Amino acid sequence: MRKFSEILIVLALAVFLSAGSAFAYGTQITISDENYEGTGWYSNREDQETEVGMQANQSWDLEGWFLDGTSLTMVGGYDFVNGNQDLYSGDVFIDVDADSAIFGDIDGEKKGNFTVQETYGYDYVLDMNFNTSTYDVYQLTDTTTTITSLEWQNQGSNPWRYDAGGTLISSNNTFNYQTGLTDAETGFEGGNHNVVSGLDLSFIASDVPVEFITHFTMQCGNDNLMGQGTLAAVEAGGGGGSAATPEPATMFLLGAGLVGVAVMRKRFDKKN
């Protein structure tokens, strides 16, 4: 009986600990970049993974996307602010309806960061300024130009950056940046993690749920970070959020209930 009580207490603690981790950034929405081969760093996962044949270590790793309401977060071992070996961060691209983004195992003809009149199926871009922690939002059009990834065998990582064209939706939006986070704080492996959070997707919210794909890469295309999520329908009063996101109160009640059961069981055991 004592063992039963101890198990319940451990379960309750696990609920509280997992709730704290889950609510830090929201629900993870990372998906496969569909460019993989074999096992290890080139396998079909995102944490501890880079594109096939590319540099394979934590400083090049883009690890995951999270969604909390309309707030988007990305995590990586890659240094988003300073880059790595003079290869710098790109922009965040959004495919509304998750129906046209082009990614996967795609080769090009030659190496270089080329400016092209191509959106790769994306509808919006968050034009990131990592020096000032701000970004502008543009709706992309047929005349929009973007910049490709450097490596010819990494063209599934396109686009790297927004160049010009389209319609300005908003400007000087701010985001948060954290560096030096641990595995326990992020839920990823590698020992050192950087977090870009507070990217507001409310500009694509609607009175019906909105599915979307999000994309980010660095200049060389060494890793391609893809995510797929759903924004809940915006309510009449302006509410809404990410679909299927658990409520903190629910987790609290569940944890409290488990602790209560354990305590009552212990008292019952003493009486008998």
Foldseek 3Di string as FASTA:
>chain_A
DLVVLVVLLVVLVVLVLVLVQCPPFHAWFWAFLAAADDDAQRHGAQFQHWHPPFDGAQQAGWHTWHWWFQKIKTKGSHDQQPGDPPWHWAWKFKQKQADFAFAHFDFADAFDWDKDQDDNRTQKIFQDDSVVQFTWIFGADSRWIFIPAGHRRQRSQDDGYTDDDGGTDGTGHGWDKDWQDACSNNVGDRGIMIMIIGPGRCVPAAQAKMKMKMWIHIRNNRHIIIGIFIWHHQDPVGGTGTPPTDDPVVSVVVSVVSNVVSVVVVVVVVVD
